[in-house]
Amino acid sequence: MNLENWLKEYFHRALDWVLKQSDFMVDTSLVGTVLNGLSHLRGVRERGQFVVRLICGLGGNLTLRCRQEFAKEVRAALIYGKCNFMPTQPCRPSLNLGAAPLD
């Protein structure tokens, strides 16, 4: 699978979730949220990397509580039966950056 397919399969669902919550630390536009999400996906080669960076990008402007819930939702819906990727710190998903290093 490649980045284009991951965007179609995962990005839109995650974006919808973030927009429905609308629990942002700073007011932002739809374009700002999308660009922030996409900016973290540069250089992604594996699905696990994609998911971690998706959480960081789309969740970056969410309140801590909402970001943690977002990470839990993304992991539950997109990771656990689809790519055999287990975060290194499942109890603190919003802070789990060690599983897929950023470029």
PDB file of N, CA and C in Angstrom:
ATOM      1  N   MET A   1       0.844  -1.178   0.000  1.00  0.00           N
ATOM      2  CA  MET A   1       0.000   0.000   0.000  1.00  0.00           C
ATOM      3  C   MET A   1       0.889   1.242   0.000  1.00  0.00           C
ATOM      4  N   ASN A   2       0.414   2.325  -0.557  1.00  0.00           N
ATOM      5  CA  ASN A   2       1.235   3.530  -0.623  1.00  0.00           C
ATOM      6  C   ASN A   2       0.524   4.714   0.025  1.00  0.00           C
ATOM      7  N   LEU A   3       1.211   5.825   0.041  1.00  0.00           N
ATOM      8  CA  LEU A   3       0.698   7.019   0.707  1.00  0.00           C
ATOM      9  C   LEU A   3      -0.659   7.449   0.160  1.00  0.00           C
ATOM     10  N   GLU A   4      -0.834   7.395  -1.142  1.00  0.00           N
ATOM     11  CA  GLU A   4      -2.109   7.796  -1.731  1.00  0.00           C
ATOM     12  C   GLU A   4      -3.260   6.946  -1.186  1.00  0.00           C
ATOM     13  N   ASN A   5      -3.046   5.653  -1.107  1.00  0.00           N
ATOM     14  CA  ASN A   5      -4.085   4.766  -0.574  1.00  0.00           C
ATOM     15  C   ASN A   5      -4.324   5.008   0.909  1.00  0.00           C
ATOM     16  N   TRP A   6      -3.258   5.233   1.674  1.00  0.00           N
ATOM     17  CA  TRP A   6      -3.417   5.504   3.105  1.00  0.00           C
ATOM     18  C   TRP A   6      -4.201   6.792   3.321  1.00  0.00           C
ATOM     19  N   LEU A   7      -3.931   7.786   2.499  1.00  0.00           N
ATOM     20  CA  LEU A   7      -4.690   9.037   2.615  1.00  0.00           C
ATOM     21  C   LEU A   7      -6.175   8.783   2.378  1.00  0.00           C
ATOM     22  N   LYS A   8      -6.482   8.027   1.349  1.00  0.00           N
ATOM     23  CA  LYS A   8      -7.888   7.724   1.047  1.00  0.00           C
ATOM     24  C   LYS A   8      -8.528   6.898   2.147  1.00  0.00           C
ATOM     25  N   GLU A   9      -7.777   5.914   2.647  1.00  0.00           N
ATOM     26  CA  GLU A   9      -8.343   4.978   3.604  1.00  0.00           C
ATOM     27  C   GLU A   9      -8.418   5.539   5.021  1.00  0.00           C
ATOM     28  N   TYR A  10      -7.421   6.302   5.448  1.00  0.00           N
ATOM     29  CA  TYR A  10      -7.320   6.715   6.846  1.00  0.00           C
ATOM     30  C   TYR A  10      -7.497   8.214   7.085  1.00  0.00           C
ATOM     31  N   PHE A  11      -6.875   9.033   6.251  1.00  0.00           N
ATOM     32  CA  PHE A  11      -6.813  10.465   6.532  1.00  0.00           C
ATOM     33  C   PHE A  11      -8.197  11.081   6.651  1.00  0.00           C
ATOM     34  N   HIS A  12      -9.079  10.781   5.725  1.00  0.00           N
ATOM     35  CA  HIS A  12     -10.401  11.410   5.725  1.00  0.00           C
ATOM     36  C   HIS A  12     -11.215  11.012   6.951  1.00  0.00           C
ATOM     37  N   ARG A  13     -11.127   9.764   7.350  1.00  0.00           N
ATOM     38  CA  ARG A  13     -11.842   9.320   8.556  1.00  0.00           C
ATOM     39  C   ARG A  13     -11.312  10.031   9.793  1.00  0.00           C
ATOM     40  N   ALA A  14      -9.993  10.138   9.879  1.00  0.00           N
ATOM     41  CA  ALA A  14      -9.385  10.803  11.033  1.00  0.00           C
ATOM     42  C   ALA A  14      -9.724  12.296  11.032  1.00  0.00           C
ATOM     43  N   LEU A  15      -9.687  12.915   9.871  1.00  0.00           N
ATOM     44  CA  LEU A  15     -10.033  14.336   9.768  1.00  0.00           C
ATOM     45  C   LEU A  15     -11.482  14.562  10.192  1.00  0.00           C
ATOM     46  N   ASP A  16     -12.377  13.717   9.751  1.00  0.00           N
ATOM     47  CA  ASP A  16     -13.788  13.842  10.151  1.00  0.00           C
ATOM     48  C   ASP A  16     -13.934  13.778  11.665  1.00  0.00           C
ATOM     49  N   TRP A  17     -13.216  12.855  12.294  1.00  0.00           N
ATOM     50  CA  TRP A  17     -13.297  12.722  13.748  1.00  0.00           C
ATOM     51  C   TRP A  17     -12.825  14.008  14.432  1.00  0.00           C
ATOM     52  N   VAL A  18     -11.682  14.531  13.984  1.00  0.00           N
ATOM     53  CA  VAL A  18     -11.117  15.754  14.576  1.00  0.00           C
ATOM     54  C   VAL A  18     -12.091  16.922  14.413  1.00  0.00           C
ATOM     55  N   LEU A  19     -12.661  17.070  13.232  1.00  0.00           N
ATOM     56  CA  LEU A  19     -13.572  18.183  12.979  1.00  0.00           C
ATOM     57  C   LEU A  19     -14.860  18.056  13.790  1.00  0.00           C
ATOM     58  N   LYS A  20     -15.353  16.851  13.985  1.00  0.00           N
ATOM     59  CA  LYS A  20     -16.564  16.655  14.790  1.00  0.00           C
ATOM     60  C   LYS A  20     -16.321  17.017  16.246  1.00  0.00           C
ATOM     61  N   GLN A  21     -15.120  16.729  16.745  1.00  0.00           N
ATOM     62  CA  GLN A  21     -14.803  17.047  18.140  1.00  0.00           C
ATOM     63  C   GLN A  21     -14.674  18.555  18.326  1.00  0.00           C
ATOM     64  N   SER A  22     -14.011  19.206  17.395  1.00  0.00           N
ATOM     65  CA  SER A  22     -13.812  20.659  17.412  1.00  0.00           C
ATOM     66  C   SER A  22     -13.302  21.158  18.763  1.00  0.00           C
ATOM     67  N   ASP A  23     -12.384  20.419  19.358  1.00  0.00           N
ATOM     68  CA  ASP A  23     -11.829  20.754  20.666  1.00  0.00           C
ATOM     69  C   ASP A  23     -10.386  21.247  20.485  1.00  0.00           C
ATOM     70  N   PHE A  24     -10.248  22.335  19.744  1.00  0.00           N
ATOM     71  CA  PHE A  24      -8.931  22.864  19.399  1.00  0.00           C
ATOM     72  C   PHE A  24      -8.389  23.779  20.484  1.00  0.00           C
ATOM     73  N   MET A  25      -7.065  23.760  20.671  1.00  0.00           N
ATOM     74  CA  MET A  25      -6.418  24.673  21.611  1.00  0.00           C
ATOM     75  C   MET A  25      -6.437  26.092  21.053  1.00  0.00           C
ATOM     76  N   VAL A  26      -6.289  26.207  19.744  1.00  0.00           N
ATOM     77  CA  VAL A  26      -6.299  27.495  19.056  1.00  0.00           C
ATOM     78  C   VAL A  26      -7.275  27.365  17.891  1.00  0.00           C
ATOM     79  N   ASP A  27      -8.127  28.367  17.710  1.00  0.00           N
ATOM     80  CA  ASP A  27      -9.054  28.331  16.576  1.00  0.00           C
ATOM     81  C   ASP A  27      -8.275  28.204  15.275  1.00  0.00           C
ATOM     82  N   THR A  28      -8.779  27.369  14.390  1.00  0.00           N
ATOM     83  CA  THR A  28      -8.120  27.145  13.112  1.00  0.00           C
ATOM     84  C   THR A  28      -9.160  26.864  12.048  1.00  0.00           C
ATOM     85  N   SER A  29      -8.753  27.005  10.819  1.00  0.00           N
ATOM     86  CA  SER A  29      -9.651  26.739   9.693  1.00  0.00           C
ATOM     87  C   SER A  29      -9.524  25.278   9.273  1.00  0.00           C
ATOM     88  N   LEU A  30     -10.422  24.858   8.415  1.00  0.00           N
ATOM     89  CA  LEU A  30     -10.345  23.519   7.831  1.00  0.00           C
ATOM     90  C   LEU A  30      -9.028  23.353   7.078  1.00  0.00           C
ATOM     91  N   VAL A  31      -8.669  24.356   6.306  1.00  0.00           N
ATOM     92  CA  VAL A  31      -7.421  24.293   5.535  1.00  0.00           C
ATOM     93  C   VAL A  31      -6.221  24.178   6.476  1.00  0.00           C
ATOM     94  N   GLY A  32      -6.227  24.929   7.558  1.00  0.00           N
ATOM     95  CA  GLY A  32      -5.132  24.858   8.524  1.00  0.00           C
ATOM     96  C   GLY A  32      -5.007  23.479   9.144  1.00  0.00           C
ATOM     97  N   THR A  33      -6.139  22.884   9.483  1.00  0.00           N
ATOM     98  CA  THR A  33      -6.131  21.541  10.069  1.00  0.00           C
ATOM     99  C   THR A  33      -5.610  20.517   9.069  1.00  0.00           C
ATOM    100  N   VAL A  34      -6.086  20.595   7.831  1.00  0.00           N
ATOM    101  CA  VAL A  34      -5.644  19.655   6.792  1.00  0.00           C
ATOM    102  C   VAL A  34      -4.148  19.812   6.528  1.00  0.00           C
ATOM    103  N   LEU A  35      -3.692  21.046   6.369  1.00  0.00           N
ATOM    104  CA  LEU A  35      -2.270  21.269   6.091  1.00  0.00           C
ATOM    105  C   LEU A  35      -1.391  20.798   7.245  1.00  0.00           C
ATOM    106  N   ASN A  36      -1.841  21.005   8.464  1.00  0.00           N
ATOM    107  CA  ASN A  36      -1.080  20.528   9.613  1.00  0.00           C
ATOM    108  C   ASN A  36      -0.989  19.003   9.587  1.00  0.00           C
ATOM    109  N   GLY A  37      -2.097  18.353   9.281  1.00  0.00           N
ATOM    110  CA  GLY A  37      -2.087  16.893   9.194  1.00  0.00           C
ATOM    111  C   GLY A  37      -1.169  16.390   8.106  1.00  0.00           C
ATOM    112  N   LEU A  38      -1.257  17.002   6.936  1.00  0.00           N
ATOM    113  CA  LEU A  38      -0.432  16.562   5.805  1.00  0.00           C
ATOM    114  C   LEU A  38       1.053  16.845   6.016  1.00  0.00           C
ATOM    115  N   SER A  39       1.362  17.928   6.725  1.00  0.00           N
ATOM    116  CA  SER A  39       2.768  18.314   6.900  1.00  0.00           C
ATOM    117  C   SER A  39       3.580  17.262   7.639  1.00  0.00           C
ATOM    118  N   HIS A  40       2.939  16.441   8.434  1.00  0.00           N
ATOM    119  CA  HIS A  40       3.646  15.409   9.195  1.00  0.00           C
ATOM    120  C   HIS A  40       3.854  14.114   8.414  1.00  0.00           C
ATOM    121  N   LEU A  41       3.271  14.011   7.240  1.00  0.00           N
ATOM    122  CA  LEU A  41       3.301  12.750   6.506  1.00  0.00           C
ATOM    123  C   LEU A  41       4.436  12.632   5.502  1.00  0.00           C
ATOM    124  N   ARG A  42       5.247  13.651   5.401  1.00  0.00           N
ATOM    125  CA  ARG A  42       6.364  13.628   4.450  1.00  0.00           C
ATOM    126  C   ARG A  42       7.330  12.488   4.782  1.00  0.00           C
ATOM    127  N   GLY A  43       7.676  11.716   3.788  1.00  0.00           N
ATOM    128  CA  GLY A  43       8.669  10.661   3.953  1.00  0.00           C
ATOM    129  C   GLY A  43       8.148   9.365   4.557  1.00  0.00           C
ATOM    130  N   VAL A  44       6.862   9.250   4.765  1.00  0.00           N
ATOM    131  CA  VAL A  44       6.294   8.039   5.358  1.00  0.00           C
ATOM    132  C   VAL A  44       6.435   6.875   4.384  1.00  0.00           C
ATOM    133  N   ARG A  45       6.895   5.731   4.912  1.00  0.00           N
ATOM    134  CA  ARG A  45       7.070   4.546   4.073  1.00  0.00           C
ATOM    135  C   ARG A  45       6.286   3.337   4.584  1.00  0.00           C
ATOM    136  N   GLU A  46       5.899   3.364   5.854  1.00  0.00           N
ATOM    137  CA  GLU A  46       5.204   2.225   6.453  1.00  0.00           C
ATOM    138  C   GLU A  46       3.901   2.693   7.082  1.00  0.00           C
ATOM    139  N   ARG A  47       2.937   1.795   7.142  1.00  0.00           N
ATOM    140  CA  ARG A  47       1.620   2.138   7.675  1.00  0.00           C
ATOM    141  C   ARG A  47       1.702   2.570   9.135  1.00  0.00           C
ATOM    142  N   GLY A  48       2.520   1.910   9.926  1.00  0.00           N
ATOM    143  CA  GLY A  48       2.683   2.298  11.328  1.00  0.00           C
ATOM    144  C   GLY A  48       3.192   3.716  11.467  1.00  0.00           C
ATOM    145  N   GLN A  49       4.181   4.066  10.654  1.00  0.00           N
ATOM    146  CA  GLN A  49       4.691   5.444  10.622  1.00  0.00           C
ATOM    147  C   GLN A  49       3.577   6.411  10.273  1.00  0.00           C
ATOM    148  N   PHE A  50       2.794   6.045   9.273  1.00  0.00           N
ATOM    149  CA  PHE A  50       1.706   6.900   8.814  1.00  0.00           C
ATOM    150  C   PHE A  50       0.734   7.179   9.956  1.00  0.00           C
ATOM    151  N   VAL A  51       0.369   6.155  10.699  1.00  0.00           N
ATOM    152  CA  VAL A  51      -0.605   6.318  11.768  1.00  0.00           C
ATOM    153  C   VAL A  51      -0.069   7.209  12.882  1.00  0.00           C
ATOM    154  N   VAL A  52       1.173   6.989  13.291  1.00  0.00           N
ATOM    155  CA  VAL A  52       1.764   7.814  14.347  1.00  0.00           C
ATOM    156  C   VAL A  52       1.832   9.271  13.899  1.00  0.00           C
ATOM    157  N   ARG A  53       2.257   9.505  12.687  1.00  0.00           N
ATOM    158  CA  ARG A  53       2.364  10.880  12.183  1.00  0.00           C
ATOM    159  C   ARG A  53       0.990  11.508  11.954  1.00  0.00           C
ATOM    160  N   LEU A  54       0.014  10.701  11.593  1.00  0.00           N
ATOM    161  CA  LEU A  54      -1.354  11.187  11.451  1.00  0.00           C
ATOM    162  C   LEU A  54      -1.863  11.705  12.791  1.00  0.00           C
ATOM    163  N   ILE A  55      -1.589  10.962  13.850  1.00  0.00           N
ATOM    164  CA  ILE A  55      -1.987  11.383  15.195  1.00  0.00           C
ATOM    165  C   ILE A  55      -1.293  12.689  15.566  1.00  0.00           C
ATOM    166  N   CYS A  56      -0.011  12.788  15.273  1.00  0.00           N
ATOM    167  CA  CYS A  56       0.738  14.012  15.591  1.00  0.00           C
ATOM    168  C   CYS A  56       0.248  15.200  14.773  1.00  0.00           C
ATOM    169  N   GLY A  57      -0.002  14.969  13.497  1.00  0.00           N
ATOM    170  CA  GLY A  57      -0.390  16.069  12.615  1.00  0.00           C
ATOM    171  C   GLY A  57      -1.795  16.564  12.840  1.00  0.00           C
ATOM    172  N   LEU A  58      -2.772  15.667  12.772  1.00  0.00           N
ATOM    173  CA  LEU A  58      -4.160  16.099  12.962  1.00  0.00           C
ATOM    174  C   LEU A  58      -4.477  16.360  14.427  1.00  0.00           C
ATOM    175  N   GLY A  59      -3.759  15.708  15.325  1.00  0.00           N
ATOM    176  CA  GLY A  59      -4.019  15.895  16.748  1.00  0.00           C
ATOM    177  C   GLY A  59      -3.209  16.997  17.391  1.00  0.00           C
ATOM    178  N   GLY A  60      -2.303  17.586  16.647  1.00  0.00           N
ATOM    179  CA  GLY A  60      -1.393  18.577  17.217  1.00  0.00           C
ATOM    180  C   GLY A  60      -2.046  19.804  17.810  1.00  0.00           C
ATOM    181  N   ASN A  61      -3.210  20.204  17.325  1.00  0.00           N
ATOM    182  CA  ASN A  61      -3.882  21.397  17.823  1.00  0.00           C
ATOM    183  C   ASN A  61      -5.064  21.057  18.734  1.00  0.00           C
ATOM    184  N   LEU A  62      -5.226  19.780  19.061  1.00  0.00           N
ATOM    185  CA  LEU A  62      -6.300  19.381  19.958  1.00  0.00           C
ATOM    186  C   LEU A  62      -5.864  19.553  21.407  1.00  0.00           C
ATOM    187  N   THR A  63      -6.829  19.732  22.289  1.00  0.00           N
ATOM    188  CA  THR A  63      -6.502  19.747  23.712  1.00  0.00           C
ATOM    189  C   THR A  63      -5.909  18.389  24.074  1.00  0.00           C
ATOM    190  N   LEU A  64      -5.170  18.325  25.160  1.00  0.00           N
ATOM    191  CA  LEU A  64      -4.506  17.079  25.542  1.00  0.00           C
ATOM    192  C   LEU A  64      -5.519  15.946  25.713  1.00  0.00           C
ATOM    193  N   ARG A  65      -6.609  16.209  26.394  1.00  0.00           N
ATOM    194  CA  ARG A  65      -7.629  15.184  26.598  1.00  0.00           C
ATOM    195  C   ARG A  65      -8.177  14.685  25.267  1.00  0.00           C
ATOM    196  N   CYS A  66      -8.476  15.595  24.369  1.00  0.00           N
ATOM    197  CA  CYS A  66      -9.031  15.224  23.070  1.00  0.00           C
ATOM    198  C   CYS A  66      -7.978  14.517  22.213  1.00  0.00           C
ATOM    199  N   ARG A  67      -6.730  14.954  22.299  1.00  0.00           N
ATOM    200  CA  ARG A  67      -5.654  14.314  21.543  1.00  0.00           C
ATOM    201  C   ARG A  67      -5.464  12.867  21.993  1.00  0.00           C
ATOM    202  N   GLN A  68      -5.550  12.635  23.289  1.00  0.00           N
ATOM    203  CA  GLN A  68      -5.430  11.271  23.801  1.00  0.00           C
ATOM    204  C   GLN A  68      -6.584  10.402  23.305  1.00  0.00           C
ATOM    205  N   GLU A  69      -7.785  10.954  23.297  1.00  0.00           N
ATOM    206  CA  GLU A  69      -8.939  10.220  22.794  1.00  0.00           C
ATOM    207  C   GLU A  69      -8.803   9.956  21.292  1.00  0.00           C
ATOM    208  N   PHE A  70      -8.305  10.949  20.565  1.00  0.00           N
ATOM    209  CA  PHE A  70      -8.083  10.806  19.126  1.00  0.00           C
ATOM    210  C   PHE A  70      -7.085   9.684  18.854  1.00  0.00           C
ATOM    211  N   ALA A  71      -5.985   9.676  19.593  1.00  0.00           N
ATOM    212  CA  ALA A  71      -4.972   8.634  19.414  1.00  0.00           C
ATOM    213  C   ALA A  71      -5.568   7.260  19.701  1.00  0.00           C
ATOM    214  N   LYS A  72      -6.382   7.169  20.742  1.00  0.00           N
ATOM    215  CA  LYS A  72      -7.032   5.905  21.065  1.00  0.00           C
ATOM    216  C   LYS A  72      -7.967   5.465  19.944  1.00  0.00           C
ATOM    217  N   GLU A  73      -8.738   6.397  19.414  1.00  0.00           N
ATOM    218  CA  GLU A  73      -9.671   6.089  18.329  1.00  0.00           C
ATOM    219  C   GLU A  73      -8.924   5.652  17.061  1.00  0.00           C
ATOM    220  N   VAL A  74      -7.867   6.375  16.719  1.00  0.00           N
ATOM    221  CA  VAL A  74      -7.101   6.027  15.520  1.00  0.00           C
ATOM    222  C   VAL A  74      -6.489   4.646  15.682  1.00  0.00           C
ATOM    223  N   ARG A  75      -5.866   4.407  16.824  1.00  0.00           N
ATOM    224  CA  ARG A  75      -5.255   3.096  17.055  1.00  0.00           C
ATOM    225  C   ARG A  75      -6.291   1.989  17.004  1.00  0.00           C
ATOM    226  N   ALA A  76      -7.413   2.191  17.651  1.00  0.00           N
ATOM    227  CA  ALA A  76      -8.435   1.147  17.707  1.00  0.00           C
ATOM    228  C   ALA A  76      -9.017   0.867  16.325  1.00  0.00           C
ATOM    229  N   ALA A  77      -9.283   1.899  15.576  1.00  0.00           N
ATOM    230  CA  ALA A  77      -9.946   1.738  14.282  1.00  0.00           C
ATOM    231  C   ALA A  77      -8.996   1.360  13.161  1.00  0.00           C
ATOM    232  N   LEU A  78      -7.781   1.822  13.222  1.00  0.00           N
ATOM    233  CA  LEU A  78      -6.901   1.697  12.072  1.00  0.00           C
ATOM    234  C   LEU A  78      -5.691   0.808  12.277  1.00  0.00           C
ATOM    235  N   ILE A  79      -5.281   0.597  13.489  1.00  0.00           N
ATOM    236  CA  ILE A  79      -4.039  -0.141  13.685  1.00  0.00           C
ATOM    237  C   ILE A  79      -4.284  -1.587  14.069  1.00  0.00           C
ATOM    238  N   TYR A  80      -4.994  -1.800  15.140  1.00  0.00           N
ATOM    239  CA  TYR A  80      -5.022  -3.122  15.732  1.00  0.00           C
ATOM    240  C   TYR A  80      -5.416  -4.218  14.790  1.00  0.00           C
ATOM    241  N   GLY A  81      -6.056  -4.396  13.953  1.00  0.00           N
ATOM    242  CA  GLY A  81      -6.289  -5.542  13.084  1.00  0.00           C
ATOM    243  C   GLY A  81      -5.766  -5.341  11.708  1.00  0.00           C
ATOM    244  N   LYS A  82      -5.108  -4.233  11.415  1.00  0.00           N
ATOM    245  CA  LYS A  82      -4.764  -3.954  10.021  1.00  0.00           C
ATOM    246  C   LYS A  82      -3.275  -3.991   9.712  1.00  0.00           C
ATOM    247  N   CYS A  83      -2.408  -3.689  10.675  1.00  0.00           N
ATOM    248  CA  CYS A  83      -0.992  -3.640  10.283  1.00  0.00           C
ATOM    249  C   CYS A  83      -0.053  -4.212  11.337  1.00  0.00           C
ATOM    250  N   ASN A  84      -0.566  -4.867  12.366  1.00  0.00           N
ATOM    251  CA  ASN A  84       0.279  -5.490  13.383  1.00  0.00           C
ATOM    252  C   ASN A  84       1.283  -4.520  13.981  1.00  0.00           C
ATOM    253  N   PHE A  85       0.882  -3.289  14.194  1.00  0.00           N
ATOM    254  CA  PHE A  85       1.746  -2.257  14.754  1.00  0.00           C
ATOM    255  C   PHE A  85       1.258  -1.950  16.159  1.00  0.00           C
ATOM    256  N   MET A  86       2.092  -2.177  17.154  1.00  0.00           N
ATOM    257  CA  MET A  86       1.713  -1.867  18.524  1.00  0.00           C
ATOM    258  C   MET A  86       2.554  -0.704  19.009  1.00  0.00           C
ATOM    259  N   PRO A  87       1.936   0.381  19.446  1.00  0.00           N
ATOM    260  CA  PRO A  87       2.692   1.507  19.970  1.00  0.00           C
ATOM    261  C   PRO A  87       3.541   1.087  21.161  1.00  0.00           C
ATOM    262  N   THR A  88       4.663   1.748  21.349  1.00  0.00           N
ATOM    263  CA  THR A  88       5.555   1.386  22.442  1.00  0.00           C
ATOM    264  C   THR A  88       5.003   1.812  23.790  1.00  0.00           C
ATOM    265  N   GLN A  89       4.128   2.813  23.822  1.00  0.00           N
ATOM    266  CA  GLN A  89       3.539   3.289  25.066  1.00  0.00           C
ATOM    267  C   GLN A  89       2.023   3.356  24.922  1.00  0.00           C
ATOM    268  N   PRO A  90       1.322   2.222  24.941  1.00  0.00           N
ATOM    269  CA  PRO A  90      -0.112   2.241  24.705  1.00  0.00           C
ATOM    270  C   PRO A  90      -0.896   3.042  25.731  1.00  0.00           C
ATOM    271  N   CYS A  91      -0.371   3.240  26.936  1.00  0.00           N
ATOM    272  CA  CYS A  91      -1.110   4.006  27.935  1.00  0.00           C
ATOM    273  C   CYS A  91      -0.969   5.506  27.714  1.00  0.00           C
ATOM    274  N   ARG A  92      -0.042   5.940  26.892  1.00  0.00           N
ATOM    275  CA  ARG A  92       0.150   7.363  26.604  1.00  0.00           C
ATOM    276  C   ARG A  92       0.261   7.549  25.097  1.00  0.00           C
ATOM    277  N   PRO A  93      -0.797   7.271  24.356  1.00  0.00           N
ATOM    278  CA  PRO A  93      -0.722   7.269  22.895  1.00  0.00           C
ATOM    279  C   PRO A  93      -0.396   8.620  22.284  1.00  0.00           C
ATOM    280  N   SER A  94      -0.797   9.704  22.926  1.00  0.00           N
ATOM    281  CA  SER A  94      -0.536  11.001  22.321  1.00  0.00           C
ATOM    282  C   SER A  94       0.933  11.390  22.398  1.00  0.00           C
ATOM    283  N   LEU A  95       1.693  10.694  23.237  1.00  0.00           N
ATOM    284  CA  LEU A  95       3.107  11.009  23.389  1.00  0.00           C
ATOM    285  C   LEU A  95       3.985   9.937  22.767  1.00  0.00           C
ATOM    286  N   ASN A  96       3.410   9.007  22.068  1.00  0.00           N
ATOM    287  CA  ASN A  96       4.130   7.868  21.527  1.00  0.00           C
ATOM    288  C   ASN A  96       4.791   8.211  20.193  1.00  0.00           C
ATOM    289  N   LEU A  97       5.979   8.753  20.250  1.00  0.00           N
ATOM    290  CA  LEU A  97       6.703   9.090  19.032  1.00  0.00           C
ATOM    291  C   LEU A  97       7.852   8.136  18.775  1.00  0.00           C
ATOM    292  N   GLY A  98       8.186   7.296  19.744  1.00  0.00           N
ATOM    293  CA  GLY A  98       9.312   6.406  19.598  1.00  0.00           C
ATOM    294  C   GLY A  98       9.095   5.275  18.614  1.00  0.00           C
ATOM    295  N   ALA A  99       7.862   4.954  18.307  1.00  0.00           N
ATOM    296  CA  ALA A  99       7.571   3.823  17.447  1.00  0.00           C
ATOM    297  C   ALA A  99       7.914   4.084  15.994  1.00  0.00           C
ATOM    298  N   ALA A 100       7.881   5.330  15.569  1.00  0.00           N
ATOM    299  CA  ALA A 100       8.181   5.668  14.185  1.00  0.00           C
ATOM    300  C   ALA A 100       8.899   7.006  14.162  1.00  0.00           C
ATOM    301  N   PRO A 101      10.230   7.002  14.030  1.00  0.00           N
ATOM    302  CA  PRO A 101      10.978   8.255  14.114  1.00  0.00           C
ATOM    303  C   PRO A 101      10.585   9.226  13.017  1.00  0.00           C
ATOM    304  N   LEU A 102      10.565  10.483  13.382  1.00  0.00           N
ATOM    305  CA  LEU A 102      10.249  11.541  12.423  1.00  0.00           C
ATOM    306  C   LEU A 102      11.514  11.943  11.672  1.00  0.00           C
ATOM    307  N   ASP A 103      11.380  12.291  10.412  1.00  0.00           N
ATOM    308  CA  ASP A 103      12.530  12.741   9.629  1.00  0.00           C
ATOM    309  C   ASP A 103      12.912  14.158  10.012  1.00  0.00           C
TER     310      ASP A 103
END
